[in-house]
């Protein structure tokens, strides 16, 4: 399973039980991550989701090419490495986001980026412009390996070295 069903009802409240289900789902997922969509329908103009990560997940670098496709990420638990790239794959910035009030990043459309999970059971809130379109939401970097390729794991190891330290028992 790649995602849980969208939540329903007029009010959603996050609970420890839902967090535990999300972490368990990410551990069982072949991608080592899973999304819980908070938007009630796939055609919602604002896409809000919880994204549960385990350290072995590989988020292929990508860009949101359409005007207005901003992305906001807030780390709620765990630790996330957020990487910025130029169009040829050179790293132009890194952000070590450890859960807390300063673990928020917001980027404008057209910014090449990727993420690596630096601690087990990491969860982020992600907000993007909707509705989601599989063909228009993002463009994957041709200079980065596809998810599932052996080179993707090598890339993860290299990127992980950019985030030294172990502030909260992280990897």
Protein backbone atom coordinates (compact mmCIF):
# COMPACT_ATOMS: atom_id res chain seq x y z
CA UNK A 1 0.00 0.00 0.00
CA UNK A 2 1.36 3.44 -0.98
CA UNK A 3 -1.28 5.54 0.80
CA UNK A 4 -4.09 5.24 3.27
CA UNK A 5 -7.58 6.26 2.12
CA UNK A 6 -8.41 9.96 2.39
CA UNK A 7 -9.85 10.92 5.74
CA UNK A 8 -13.54 11.75 5.89
CA UNK A 9 -15.82 14.02 7.86
CA UNK A 10 -15.70 17.75 8.52
CA UNK A 11 -13.01 17.56 11.26
CA UNK A 12 -9.82 15.52 11.48
CA UNK A 13 -7.85 15.20 14.70
CA UNK A 14 -4.53 13.41 14.89
CA UNK A 15 -4.21 10.84 17.66
CA UNK A 16 -1.44 8.60 18.96
CA UNK A 17 -3.36 5.64 17.53
CA UNK A 18 -3.31 7.16 14.03
CA UNK A 19 0.40 7.96 14.38
CA UNK A 20 1.09 4.34 15.38
CA UNK A 21 -0.90 3.11 12.35
CA UNK A 22 1.06 5.44 10.08
CA UNK A 23 4.43 4.33 11.43
CA UNK A 24 3.41 0.67 11.11
CA UNK A 25 2.24 1.30 7.55
CA UNK A 26 5.54 2.93 6.62
CA UNK A 27 7.49 -0.02 8.06
CA UNK A 28 5.37 -2.49 6.03
CA UNK A 29 5.40 -0.49 2.78
CA UNK A 30 7.92 -1.60 0.15
CA UNK A 31 8.75 2.11 -0.30
CA UNK A 32 9.33 2.48 3.47
CA UNK A 33 6.93 5.43 3.51
CA UNK A 34 3.19 5.98 3.37
CA UNK A 35 0.85 8.94 3.05
CA UNK A 36 -2.30 9.70 4.99
CA UNK A 37 -4.23 12.24 2.86
CA UNK A 38 -5.98 14.80 5.04
CA UNK A 39 -7.81 16.41 2.11
CA UNK A 40 -11.21 14.76 1.79
CA UNK A 41 -11.17 14.39 -2.01
CA UNK A 42 -8.41 13.97 -4.57
CA UNK A 43 -9.57 17.07 -6.43
CA UNK A 44 -9.18 19.36 -3.39
CA UNK A 45 -7.51 22.67 -4.30
CA UNK A 46 -5.14 22.32 -1.31
CA UNK A 47 -3.50 18.93 -0.77
CA UNK A 48 -2.69 18.27 2.90
CA UNK A 49 -1.13 15.05 4.07
CA UNK A 50 0.89 13.29 6.70
CA UNK A 51 3.87 11.50 5.21
CA UNK A 52 5.36 8.73 7.39
CA UNK A 53 9.00 7.80 6.67
CA UNK A 54 11.54 5.17 7.58
CA UNK A 55 15.29 5.73 6.96
CA UNK A 56 15.47 3.32 4.00
CA UNK A 57 13.02 5.34 1.88
CA UNK A 58 14.28 7.11 -1.22
CA UNK A 59 12.51 10.24 -2.37
CA UNK A 60 13.76 10.88 -5.89
CA UNK A 61 14.69 14.53 -6.41
CA UNK A 62 12.04 16.43 -8.29
CA UNK A 63 10.66 19.84 -9.12
CA UNK A 64 7.09 21.14 -9.13
CA UNK A 65 7.12 22.96 -12.47
CA UNK A 66 3.78 24.74 -12.58
CA UNK A 67 3.41 28.32 -11.28
CA UNK A 68 1.97 28.40 -7.79
CA UNK A 69 3.07 24.86 -6.91
CA UNK A 70 4.57 25.75 -3.56
CA UNK A 71 5.33 23.06 -1.02
CA UNK A 72 5.38 23.35 2.76
CA UNK A 73 6.97 20.66 4.95
CA UNK A 74 6.82 20.57 8.77
CA UNK A 75 8.57 17.77 10.66
CA UNK A 76 6.32 16.65 13.52
CA UNK A 77 8.42 13.73 14.77
CA UNK A 78 11.85 12.48 13.87
CA UNK A 79 14.46 14.03 11.62
CA UNK A 80 14.49 14.84 7.92
CA UNK A 81 17.27 15.99 5.62
CA UNK A 82 15.93 18.41 3.00
CA UNK A 83 18.16 18.89 -0.05
CA UNK A 84 18.06 21.58 -2.72
CA UNK A 85 19.66 21.07 -6.14
CA UNK A 86 20.29 22.99 -9.31
CA UNK A 87 19.04 21.68 -12.65
CA UNK A 88 22.17 19.53 -13.17
CA UNK A 89 21.98 17.81 -9.76
CA UNK A 90 24.55 19.83 -7.85
CA UNK A 91 23.51 20.26 -4.23
CA UNK A 92 22.90 23.95 -3.55
CA UNK A 93 21.60 23.70 0.00
CA UNK A 94 20.82 21.32 2.85
CA UNK A 95 18.49 21.72 5.79
CA UNK A 96 18.59 19.43 8.81
CA UNK A 97 15.04 19.45 10.16
CA UNK A 98 14.64 17.96 13.64
CA UNK A 99 11.04 17.90 14.89
CA UNK A 100 10.07 21.15 16.54
CA UNK A 101 8.96 24.68 15.73
CA UNK A 102 12.00 25.39 13.54
CA UNK A 103 11.54 22.23 11.46
CA UNK A 104 9.50 23.95 8.78
CA UNK A 105 10.50 24.66 5.21
CA UNK A 106 8.48 26.24 2.42
CA UNK A 107 9.66 26.34 -1.18
CA UNK A 108 8.33 28.00 -4.29
CA UNK A 109 7.61 26.21 -7.55
CA UNK A 110 10.63 25.47 -9.73
CA UNK A 111 12.97 24.43 -6.89
CA UNK A 112 14.66 21.05 -7.37
CA UNK A 113 14.51 19.20 -4.05
CA UNK A 114 14.56 15.86 -2.30
CA UNK A 115 14.31 14.50 1.22
CA UNK A 116 16.00 11.79 3.23
CA UNK A 117 14.75 10.33 6.47
CA UNK A 118 17.37 10.55 9.21
CA UNK A 119 15.47 8.88 12.07
CA UNK A 120 13.06 5.96 12.33
CA UNK A 121 9.39 6.87 12.59
CA UNK A 122 9.65 10.34 11.09
CA UNK A 123 6.40 12.05 10.16
CA UNK A 124 5.89 15.30 8.29
CA UNK A 125 2.94 17.48 7.42
CA UNK A 126 3.05 18.34 3.74
CA UNK A 127 0.90 20.99 2.06
CA UNK A 128 0.81 21.55 -1.70
CA UNK A 129 -1.43 23.11 -4.30
CA UNK A 130 -4.03 20.74 -5.69
CA UNK A 131 -5.65 19.07 -7.27
CA UNK A 132 -3.04 16.36 -7.62
CA UNK A 133 -2.18 15.36 -11.17
CA UNK A 134 0.10 12.37 -11.72
CA UNK A 135 1.32 13.92 -14.97
CA UNK A 136 1.72 17.55 -13.88
CA UNK A 137 2.53 17.51 -10.17
CA UNK A 138 6.24 16.91 -10.46
CA UNK A 139 9.08 16.30 -12.85
CA UNK A 140 11.64 13.78 -11.64
CA UNK A 141 15.34 14.53 -12.04
CA UNK A 142 16.91 12.65 -14.95
CA UNK A 143 20.24 12.92 -13.12
CA UNK A 144 18.94 10.91 -10.14
CA UNK A 145 18.26 7.17 -10.08
CA UNK A 146 14.73 5.83 -10.10
CA UNK A 147 13.21 4.53 -6.91
CA UNK A 148 14.14 0.86 -6.49
CA UNK A 149 17.45 1.04 -8.38
CA UNK A 150 20.61 -0.07 -6.55
CA UNK A 151 22.17 3.34 -7.22
CA UNK A 152 19.34 4.95 -5.20
CA UNK A 153 20.66 3.30 -2.02
CA UNK A 154 24.17 4.53 -2.81
CA UNK A 155 22.78 8.03 -3.27
CA UNK A 156 21.01 7.81 0.11
CA UNK A 157 24.28 6.83 1.81
CA UNK A 158 26.11 9.75 0.20
CA UNK A 159 23.40 12.25 1.13
CA UNK A 160 23.16 10.93 4.69
CA UNK A 161 26.82 11.94 5.20
CA UNK A 162 25.79 15.56 4.60
CA UNK A 163 23.82 15.47 7.87
CA UNK A 164 26.29 14.50 10.62
CA UNK A 165 25.42 14.24 14.23
CA UNK A 166 22.88 12.36 16.17
CA UNK A 167 20.77 14.95 18.02
CA UNK A 168 17.93 12.61 19.00
CA UNK A 169 19.13 9.08 18.41
CA UNK A 170 18.84 9.55 14.67
CA UNK A 171 20.63 7.47 12.10
